[in-house]
């Protein structure tokens, strides 16, 4: 069994109905692969999709559960099916090195070293 960390961009495009992303994730359904996310992926996917489904800034729903789009429940259900890899302190320290060396963005550096 192989483990695979799925990038947020793939999941975002999957939920938006991008045919390539749907085919890619569907191709792993019966494969000998366990798909994983981490807290960075969760945060990015939910934030971007909140904005997508709301049609405006996700901040407009902050503190107002009644304003949350109903589609977000399906997003949560799908994300629950993934394995979860926590970001630990050593990952953060390695990400700091990548940021300093290559001027990477923080979430990209964290994803690279999970």
C-alpha atoms as a PDB file:
ATOM      1  CA  UNK A   1       0.000   0.000   0.000  1.00  0.00           C
ATOM      2  CA  UNK A   2       1.336   3.419  -0.979  1.00  0.00           C
ATOM      3  CA  UNK A   3       0.602   6.729   0.706  1.00  0.00           C
ATOM      4  CA  UNK A   4      -0.068   9.888  -1.283  1.00  0.00           C
ATOM      5  CA  UNK A   5      -0.487  13.431   0.012  1.00  0.00           C
ATOM      6  CA  UNK A   6      -3.059  15.243  -2.127  1.00  0.00           C
ATOM      7  CA  UNK A   7      -2.385  18.914  -2.812  1.00  0.00           C
ATOM      8  CA  UNK A   8      -5.134  21.421  -2.117  1.00  0.00           C
ATOM      9  CA  UNK A   9      -5.239  22.559  -5.751  1.00  0.00           C
ATOM     10  CA  UNK A  10      -6.295  19.070  -6.865  1.00  0.00           C
ATOM     11  CA  UNK A  11      -9.088  18.925  -4.299  1.00  0.00           C
ATOM     12  CA  UNK A  12     -10.299  22.444  -5.049  1.00  0.00           C
ATOM     13  CA  UNK A  13     -10.501  21.664  -8.746  1.00  0.00           C
ATOM     14  CA  UNK A  14     -12.218  18.344  -7.970  1.00  0.00           C
ATOM     15  CA  UNK A  15     -14.982  20.129  -6.067  1.00  0.00           C
ATOM     16  CA  UNK A  16     -15.295  22.728  -8.822  1.00  0.00           C
ATOM     17  CA  UNK A  17     -15.907  19.866 -11.261  1.00  0.00           C
ATOM     18  CA  UNK A  18     -12.661  20.088 -13.219  1.00  0.00           C
ATOM     19  CA  UNK A  19     -12.688  16.963 -15.388  1.00  0.00           C
ATOM     20  CA  UNK A  20      -8.950  16.272 -15.055  1.00  0.00           C
ATOM     21  CA  UNK A  21      -9.054  16.552 -11.260  1.00  0.00           C
ATOM     22  CA  UNK A  22     -12.135  14.329 -11.043  1.00  0.00           C
ATOM     23  CA  UNK A  23     -10.526  11.676 -13.254  1.00  0.00           C
ATOM     24  CA  UNK A  24      -7.288  11.853 -11.281  1.00  0.00           C
ATOM     25  CA  UNK A  25      -8.900  11.337  -7.890  1.00  0.00           C
ATOM     26  CA  UNK A  26     -11.312   8.736  -9.243  1.00  0.00           C
ATOM     27  CA  UNK A  27      -8.347   6.786 -10.645  1.00  0.00           C
ATOM     28  CA  UNK A  28      -7.149   6.137  -7.087  1.00  0.00           C
ATOM     29  CA  UNK A  29     -10.482   4.721  -5.938  1.00  0.00           C
ATOM     30  CA  UNK A  30      -9.560   1.072  -6.507  1.00  0.00           C
ATOM     31  CA  UNK A  31      -5.792   1.511  -6.493  1.00  0.00           C
ATOM     32  CA  UNK A  32      -3.421   0.295  -3.809  1.00  0.00           C
ATOM     33  CA  UNK A  33      -3.051   3.866  -2.537  1.00  0.00           C
ATOM     34  CA  UNK A  34      -4.109   5.662   0.626  1.00  0.00           C
ATOM     35  CA  UNK A  35      -4.841   9.337   0.005  1.00  0.00           C
ATOM     36  CA  UNK A  36      -3.923  11.827   2.720  1.00  0.00           C
ATOM     37  CA  UNK A  37      -4.358  15.498   3.550  1.00  0.00           C
ATOM     38  CA  UNK A  38      -2.913  17.654   6.307  1.00  0.00           C
ATOM     39  CA  UNK A  39      -4.081  20.730   8.181  1.00  0.00           C
ATOM     40  CA  UNK A  40      -2.683  23.051   5.499  1.00  0.00           C
ATOM     41  CA  UNK A  41      -4.655  21.270   2.767  1.00  0.00           C
ATOM     42  CA  UNK A  42      -7.811  21.264   4.901  1.00  0.00           C
ATOM     43  CA  UNK A  43      -7.544  24.992   5.571  1.00  0.00           C
ATOM     44  CA  UNK A  44      -6.804  25.954   1.964  1.00  0.00           C
ATOM     45  CA  UNK A  45      -9.543  23.750   0.492  1.00  0.00           C
ATOM     46  CA  UNK A  46     -12.252  24.867   2.897  1.00  0.00           C
ATOM     47  CA  UNK A  47     -11.343  28.566   2.689  1.00  0.00           C
ATOM     48  CA  UNK A  48     -11.209  28.666  -1.114  1.00  0.00           C
ATOM     49  CA  UNK A  49     -14.393  26.628  -1.516  1.00  0.00           C
ATOM     50  CA  UNK A  50     -16.274  28.750   1.014  1.00  0.00           C
ATOM     51  CA  UNK A  51     -15.515  31.742  -1.194  1.00  0.00           C
ATOM     52  CA  UNK A  52     -16.404  29.791  -4.324  1.00  0.00           C
ATOM     53  CA  UNK A  53     -19.777  28.613  -3.029  1.00  0.00           C
ATOM     54  CA  UNK A  54     -20.624  31.927  -1.356  1.00  0.00           C
ATOM     55  CA  UNK A  55     -19.637  33.978  -4.379  1.00  0.00           C
ATOM     56  CA  UNK A  56     -17.862  36.421  -2.071  1.00  0.00           C
ATOM     57  CA  UNK A  57     -15.230  36.521   0.651  1.00  0.00           C
ATOM     58  CA  UNK A  58     -15.433  33.650   3.150  1.00  0.00           C
ATOM     59  CA  UNK A  59     -15.082  36.267   5.876  1.00  0.00           C
ATOM     60  CA  UNK A  60     -18.668  37.346   5.174  1.00  0.00           C
ATOM     61  CA  UNK A  61     -19.900  34.104   6.764  1.00  0.00           C
ATOM     62  CA  UNK A  62     -17.634  34.323   9.816  1.00  0.00           C
ATOM     63  CA  UNK A  63     -19.689  34.075  12.994  1.00  0.00           C
ATOM     64  CA  UNK A  64     -22.890  33.358  11.028  1.00  0.00           C
ATOM     65  CA  UNK A  65     -23.438  29.602  10.636  1.00  0.00           C
ATOM     66  CA  UNK A  66     -26.689  30.269   8.775  1.00  0.00           C
ATOM     67  CA  UNK A  67     -24.656  31.911   5.993  1.00  0.00           C
ATOM     68  CA  UNK A  68     -22.496  28.829   5.393  1.00  0.00           C
ATOM     69  CA  UNK A  69     -23.174  27.324   1.972  1.00  0.00           C
ATOM     70  CA  UNK A  70     -24.846  23.891   2.123  1.00  0.00           C
ATOM     71  CA  UNK A  71     -22.157  22.486  -0.211  1.00  0.00           C
ATOM     72  CA  UNK A  72     -19.574  22.759   2.562  1.00  0.00           C
ATOM     73  CA  UNK A  73     -21.087  19.706   4.277  1.00  0.00           C
ATOM     74  CA  UNK A  74     -20.258  17.572   1.222  1.00  0.00           C
ATOM     75  CA  UNK A  75     -16.719  18.977   1.236  1.00  0.00           C
ATOM     76  CA  UNK A  76     -16.345  17.920   4.873  1.00  0.00           C
ATOM     77  CA  UNK A  77     -17.727  14.445   4.140  1.00  0.00           C
ATOM     78  CA  UNK A  78     -15.236  13.896   1.326  1.00  0.00           C
ATOM     79  CA  UNK A  79     -12.294  15.224   3.361  1.00  0.00           C
ATOM     80  CA  UNK A  80     -13.176  12.882   6.250  1.00  0.00           C
ATOM     81  CA  UNK A  81     -12.442   9.935   3.948  1.00  0.00           C
ATOM     82  CA  UNK A  82      -8.774  10.934   3.622  1.00  0.00           C
ATOM     83  CA  UNK A  83      -5.996   9.910   5.959  1.00  0.00           C
ATOM     84  CA  UNK A  84      -4.519  12.772   7.963  1.00  0.00           C
ATOM     85  CA  UNK A  85      -0.854  13.658   8.335  1.00  0.00           C
ATOM     86  CA  UNK A  86      -0.290  16.179  11.123  1.00  0.00           C
ATOM     87  CA  UNK A  87       2.254  18.945  10.686  1.00  0.00           C
ATOM     88  CA  UNK A  88       4.794  18.542  13.480  1.00  0.00           C
ATOM     89  CA  UNK A  89       7.473  20.873  14.808  1.00  0.00           C
ATOM     90  CA  UNK A  90      10.285  19.298  12.798  1.00  0.00           C
ATOM     91  CA  UNK A  91       8.265  19.877   9.616  1.00  0.00           C
ATOM     92  CA  UNK A  92       7.872  23.539  10.518  1.00  0.00           C
ATOM     93  CA  UNK A  93      11.628  23.870  11.105  1.00  0.00           C
ATOM     94  CA  UNK A  94      12.396  22.258   7.733  1.00  0.00           C
ATOM     95  CA  UNK A  95       9.857  24.564   6.103  1.00  0.00           C
ATOM     96  CA  UNK A  96      11.675  27.555   7.594  1.00  0.00           C
ATOM     97  CA  UNK A  97      14.881  26.388   5.926  1.00  0.00           C
ATOM     98  CA  UNK A  98      13.128  26.010   2.566  1.00  0.00           C
ATOM     99  CA  UNK A  99      11.607  29.468   2.851  1.00  0.00           C
ATOM    100  CA  UNK A 100      15.003  31.010   3.595  1.00  0.00           C
ATOM    101  CA  UNK A 101      16.842  29.050   0.919  1.00  0.00           C
ATOM    102  CA  UNK A 102      14.319  29.175  -1.937  1.00  0.00           C
ATOM    103  CA  UNK A 103      11.931  32.000  -0.938  1.00  0.00           C
ATOM    104  CA  UNK A 104       9.054  29.509  -0.945  1.00  0.00           C
ATOM    105  CA  UNK A 105       5.649  30.451   0.374  1.00  0.00           C
ATOM    106  CA  UNK A 106       4.932  29.015   3.844  1.00  0.00           C
ATOM    107  CA  UNK A 107       2.176  26.567   2.897  1.00  0.00           C
ATOM    108  CA  UNK A 108       4.180  25.280  -0.082  1.00  0.00           C
ATOM    109  CA  UNK A 109       7.219  24.694   2.134  1.00  0.00           C
ATOM    110  CA  UNK A 110       5.094  22.859   4.703  1.00  0.00           C
ATOM    111  CA  UNK A 111       3.550  20.663   2.021  1.00  0.00           C
ATOM    112  CA  UNK A 112       6.920  19.754   0.564  1.00  0.00           C
ATOM    113  CA  UNK A 113       8.195  18.403   3.856  1.00  0.00           C
ATOM    114  CA  UNK A 114       5.201  16.519   5.199  1.00  0.00           C
END
